[in-house]
Amino acid sequence: TITSAATTLDWKYRDQDYHVNIIDTPGHVDFTVEVNRSLRVLDGLVFLFSTVDGVEPQSETNWRLANNYSVSRIGFVNKMDRAGADFHRTVDSIAHRLQTRPVVIQLPLGSEDSFRGVIDLIGERALVFEEDTPQIPIEGPVPEEMIEEFRSYRELMVERIAETDDALILKYIEGEEISKEEIKSALRKATIAYRLVPVMCGSALQNRGIQPL
C-alpha cells in the first residue's frame, strides 16, 4: 500500500462487544508521513517483521515513531514459509537493533516448506494449520521433538513476564506455580505499559498463525 487503509470489525470477548478499527499503513520509507499520521490515533500496534530480512532500516524508523507517541505494540514475525526463514535470528535482531524487550509467546512449528503452525507457550499446545485458507487451527500436544525447546522458552517467557509484576516475581522466586490467567493478565499490563513486546509468528500468505494473533 502507498496510503493508509482502514477497516472495522466487531469482536466479542467475555460477553463484551467491542468495535475494532484496523489501520494498515505503508511500510516503505517514502510514505512515512502516513505512518506518522496514523500513530497519533492508535491504541496499539501490530509490527510486522520479515523473518527472511529481519529488522530493516525502515523498521527502525517506524519503531522510533511509535516510541514518540508511546504506542504499545505486538511483534509478528511473518513469512515463516519463505526460504531463509529464521525466527530466532529475527527475535534477536528485534532485541538488539530496536533496543527493546521482546518476549516470545509462540514458537514456529517447522520453517520454510515445512512450516505448518505454531506452539502456544502460554496455552502449552500446538496449533496446526492443514490448509492455506482461513480456518480454525487443529489443537494438539507439543511434538516430542520440540519438548525441550518448548520448556526452555516457556520458562524464559514466565520469568520475563513475572519480572514486571511484584506479586508474580515473588511466586516465581519461591517456586510457586503461576497460572495461565495470571500470565495473560500480567503480560497485558506489561504490553500496554510498553515494558514488554510479545512476539508471535506465522505466514500471512498461507493464513497460518493469523487466528491466534
Protein backbone atom coordinates (compact mmCIF):
# COMPACT_ATOMS: atom_id res chain seq x y z
CA THR A 1 0.00 0.00 0.00
CA ILE A 2 1.04 3.62 -0.56
CA THR A 3 -1.71 5.12 1.60
CA SER A 4 -3.25 4.03 4.88
CA ALA A 5 -6.30 1.78 4.55
CA ALA A 6 -8.91 1.31 7.27
CA THR A 7 -11.36 -1.47 8.05
CA THR A 8 -13.53 -2.35 11.05
CA LEU A 9 -14.75 -5.45 12.82
CA ASP A 10 -16.86 -6.45 15.81
CA TRP A 11 -15.19 -8.62 18.45
CA LYS A 12 -16.90 -10.44 21.30
CA TYR A 13 -14.72 -11.23 24.31
CA ARG A 14 -16.02 -12.48 27.67
CA ASP A 15 -19.59 -11.43 26.81
CA GLN A 16 -18.43 -7.91 25.97
CA ASP A 17 -18.89 -6.45 22.49
CA TYR A 18 -16.03 -4.40 21.03
CA HIS A 19 -15.81 -2.35 17.85
CA VAL A 20 -12.27 -2.56 16.48
CA ASN A 21 -10.78 -0.22 13.89
CA ILE A 22 -7.77 -1.55 11.99
CA ILE A 23 -5.48 0.76 10.00
CA ASP A 24 -2.98 -0.77 7.58
CA THR A 25 -0.10 1.64 6.95
CA PRO A 26 2.56 1.56 4.19
CA GLY A 27 5.94 0.10 5.10
CA HIS A 28 8.10 1.91 2.56
CA VAL A 29 10.28 4.81 3.69
CA ASP A 30 8.73 7.16 1.09
CA PHE A 31 5.38 7.00 2.88
CA THR A 32 6.48 7.56 6.49
CA VAL A 33 4.07 10.51 6.72
CA GLU A 34 1.16 8.03 6.52
CA VAL A 35 2.59 6.03 9.43
CA ASN A 36 3.18 9.19 11.46
CA ARG A 37 -0.38 10.38 10.93
CA SER A 38 -1.90 7.02 11.91
CA LEU A 39 0.20 6.66 15.06
CA ARG A 40 -1.47 9.75 16.53
CA VAL A 41 -4.79 7.89 16.90
CA LEU A 42 -3.77 4.27 17.56
CA ASP A 43 -4.33 2.42 20.85
CA GLY A 44 -1.98 -0.38 19.84
CA LEU A 45 0.23 -1.55 17.02
CA VAL A 46 0.97 -4.89 15.34
CA PHE A 47 4.51 -4.50 13.99
CA LEU A 48 5.33 -6.80 11.07
CA PHE A 49 8.82 -8.22 10.56
CA SER A 50 10.01 -10.35 7.67
CA THR A 51 11.75 -13.40 9.08
CA VAL A 52 13.90 -13.50 5.93
CA ASP A 53 15.08 -9.88 6.11
CA GLY A 54 14.89 -9.30 9.89
CA VAL A 55 14.78 -5.73 11.21
CA GLU A 56 15.15 -3.42 8.21
CA PRO A 57 16.14 0.28 8.32
CA GLN A 58 12.53 1.32 7.75
CA SER A 59 11.51 -0.90 10.68
CA GLU A 60 13.82 1.16 12.90
CA THR A 61 12.35 4.43 11.60
CA ASN A 62 8.76 3.34 12.26
CA TRP A 63 9.71 1.90 15.65
CA ARG A 64 11.13 5.26 16.73
CA LEU A 65 7.93 6.96 15.54
CA ALA A 66 5.91 4.55 17.71
CA ASN A 67 8.20 5.41 20.65
CA ASN A 68 7.48 9.11 20.12
CA TYR A 69 3.76 8.50 20.56
CA SER A 70 4.18 5.85 23.31
CA VAL A 71 2.14 3.28 21.38
CA SER A 72 2.16 -0.23 22.85
CA ARG A 73 2.88 -2.96 20.34
CA ILE A 74 2.93 -6.64 19.44
CA GLY A 75 5.57 -8.09 17.12
CA PHE A 76 4.55 -10.51 14.36
CA VAL A 77 7.32 -12.38 12.53
CA ASN A 78 5.87 -13.01 9.08
CA LYS A 79 6.86 -15.13 6.04
CA MET A 80 7.78 -18.22 8.06
CA ASP A 81 7.06 -20.24 4.90
CA ARG A 82 9.78 -18.49 2.86
CA ALA A 83 13.25 -19.82 2.06
CA GLY A 84 15.76 -18.47 4.57
CA ALA A 85 13.21 -18.09 7.37
CA ASP A 86 14.89 -17.80 10.79
CA PHE A 87 12.57 -16.92 13.68
CA HIS A 88 15.21 -16.85 16.43
CA ARG A 89 17.57 -14.62 14.45
CA THR A 90 14.70 -12.18 13.88
CA VAL A 91 13.83 -12.06 17.58
CA ASP A 92 17.49 -11.38 18.44
CA SER A 93 17.59 -8.51 15.93
CA ILE A 94 14.37 -7.05 17.42
CA ALA A 95 16.04 -7.00 20.85
CA HIS A 96 19.38 -5.56 19.76
CA ARG A 97 18.56 -3.24 16.87
CA LEU A 98 15.37 -1.82 18.38
CA GLN A 99 16.66 -1.74 21.96
CA THR A 100 13.50 -3.33 23.34
CA ARG A 101 12.45 -6.37 25.40
CA PRO A 102 10.73 -8.94 23.20
CA VAL A 103 9.04 -11.87 24.92
CA VAL A 104 8.42 -14.90 22.71
CA ILE A 105 4.92 -16.29 23.31
CA GLN A 106 4.90 -18.61 20.29
CA LEU A 107 7.41 -20.89 18.60
CA PRO A 108 7.14 -21.88 14.92
CA LEU A 109 6.27 -25.46 14.04
CA GLY A 110 8.79 -26.02 11.28
CA SER A 111 10.02 -23.36 8.85
CA GLU A 112 10.26 -22.71 5.13
CA ASP A 113 8.46 -25.52 3.21
CA SER A 114 7.82 -27.44 6.44
CA PHE A 115 6.11 -24.55 8.31
CA ARG A 116 2.73 -25.85 9.44
CA GLY A 117 1.75 -23.95 12.59
CA VAL A 118 2.83 -22.59 15.96
CA ILE A 119 3.46 -23.69 19.54
CA ASP A 120 1.43 -21.61 22.01
CA LEU A 121 3.75 -21.18 25.01
CA ILE A 122 1.03 -19.83 27.31
CA GLY A 123 -1.61 -22.41 26.37
CA GLU A 124 1.01 -25.21 26.19
CA ARG A 125 -0.37 -26.59 22.93
CA ALA A 126 0.41 -26.97 19.25
CA LEU A 127 -1.78 -25.20 16.69
CA VAL A 128 -1.57 -26.85 13.27
CA PHE A 129 -2.94 -25.37 10.02
CA GLU A 130 -3.56 -28.02 7.36
CA GLU A 131 -4.77 -25.75 4.54
CA ASP A 132 -3.70 -22.41 3.07
CA THR A 133 -7.17 -20.95 3.59
CA PRO A 134 -8.55 -19.10 6.66
CA GLN A 135 -9.51 -21.78 9.19
CA ILE A 136 -9.58 -22.68 12.86
CA PRO A 137 -6.29 -24.47 13.70
CA ILE A 138 -6.21 -28.04 14.94
CA GLU A 139 -5.10 -28.16 18.58
CA GLY A 140 -2.80 -30.86 19.85
CA PRO A 141 0.09 -31.61 22.22
CA VAL A 142 3.57 -30.17 21.74
CA PRO A 143 5.55 -32.56 19.49
CA GLU A 144 8.05 -34.73 21.34
CA GLU A 145 10.99 -33.40 19.34
CA MET A 146 10.18 -29.85 20.49
CA ILE A 147 9.52 -30.52 24.18
CA GLU A 148 12.96 -29.39 25.32
CA GLU A 149 12.89 -26.16 23.29
CA PHE A 150 9.30 -25.53 24.41
CA ARG A 151 10.18 -25.89 28.11
CA SER A 152 13.22 -23.63 27.78
CA TYR A 153 11.31 -20.84 26.03
CA ARG A 154 8.29 -21.15 28.30
CA GLU A 155 10.48 -20.80 31.39
CA LEU A 156 12.12 -17.70 29.89
CA MET A 157 8.69 -16.27 29.00
CA VAL A 158 7.31 -16.77 32.51
CA GLU A 159 10.44 -15.24 34.05
CA ARG A 160 10.31 -12.12 31.85
CA ILE A 161 6.61 -11.59 32.47
CA ALA A 162 6.95 -12.18 36.22
CA GLU A 163 9.70 -9.55 36.42
CA THR A 164 7.12 -6.90 35.51
CA ASP A 165 4.74 -7.79 38.36
CA ASP A 166 5.68 -7.63 42.05
CA ALA A 167 3.25 -10.37 43.14
CA LEU A 168 4.27 -12.74 40.36
CA ILE A 169 8.01 -12.31 40.84
CA LEU A 170 7.61 -13.40 44.47
CA LYS A 171 5.71 -16.50 43.38
CA TYR A 172 8.34 -17.20 40.73
CA ILE A 173 11.27 -16.85 43.16
CA GLU A 174 9.53 -19.10 45.69
CA GLY A 175 8.89 -21.72 43.02
CA GLU A 176 5.11 -21.47 43.13
CA GLU A 177 3.06 -22.28 40.06
CA ILE A 178 1.87 -19.27 38.06
CA SER A 179 -1.46 -19.83 36.32
CA LYS A 180 -2.14 -19.12 32.65
CA GLU A 181 -4.64 -16.40 33.62
CA GLU A 182 -2.00 -14.70 35.79
CA ILE A 183 0.47 -14.85 32.90
CA LYS A 184 -2.06 -13.34 30.46
CA SER A 185 -3.09 -10.59 32.87
CA ALA A 186 0.50 -9.57 33.69
CA LEU A 187 1.52 -9.74 30.01
CA ARG A 188 -1.39 -7.49 29.04
CA LYS A 189 -0.38 -4.87 31.60
CA ALA A 190 3.29 -5.04 30.63
CA THR A 191 2.42 -4.73 26.93
CA ILE A 192 0.18 -1.70 27.43
CA ALA A 193 2.87 -0.05 29.58
CA TYR A 194 5.45 -0.89 26.85
CA ARG A 195 7.61 -2.86 29.27
CA LEU A 196 7.47 -5.93 27.03
CA VAL A 197 6.75 -6.65 23.37
CA PRO A 198 5.02 -10.04 22.84
CA VAL A 199 6.30 -11.77 19.70
CA MET A 200 4.24 -14.16 17.58
CA CYS A 201 4.85 -15.72 14.17
CA GLY A 202 3.19 -17.08 11.07
CA SER A 203 2.63 -16.75 7.36
CA ALA A 204 0.05 -14.22 6.18
CA LEU A 205 0.20 -15.65 2.65
CA GLN A 206 -0.69 -19.16 3.87
CA ASN A 207 -3.16 -17.97 6.56
CA ARG A 208 -1.09 -19.73 9.24
CA GLY A 209 -0.74 -18.11 12.66
CA ILE A 210 -3.21 -15.32 11.86
CA GLN A 211 -6.10 -16.52 14.03
CA PRO A 212 -4.02 -16.76 17.24
CA LEU A 213 -2.69 -13.24 16.55
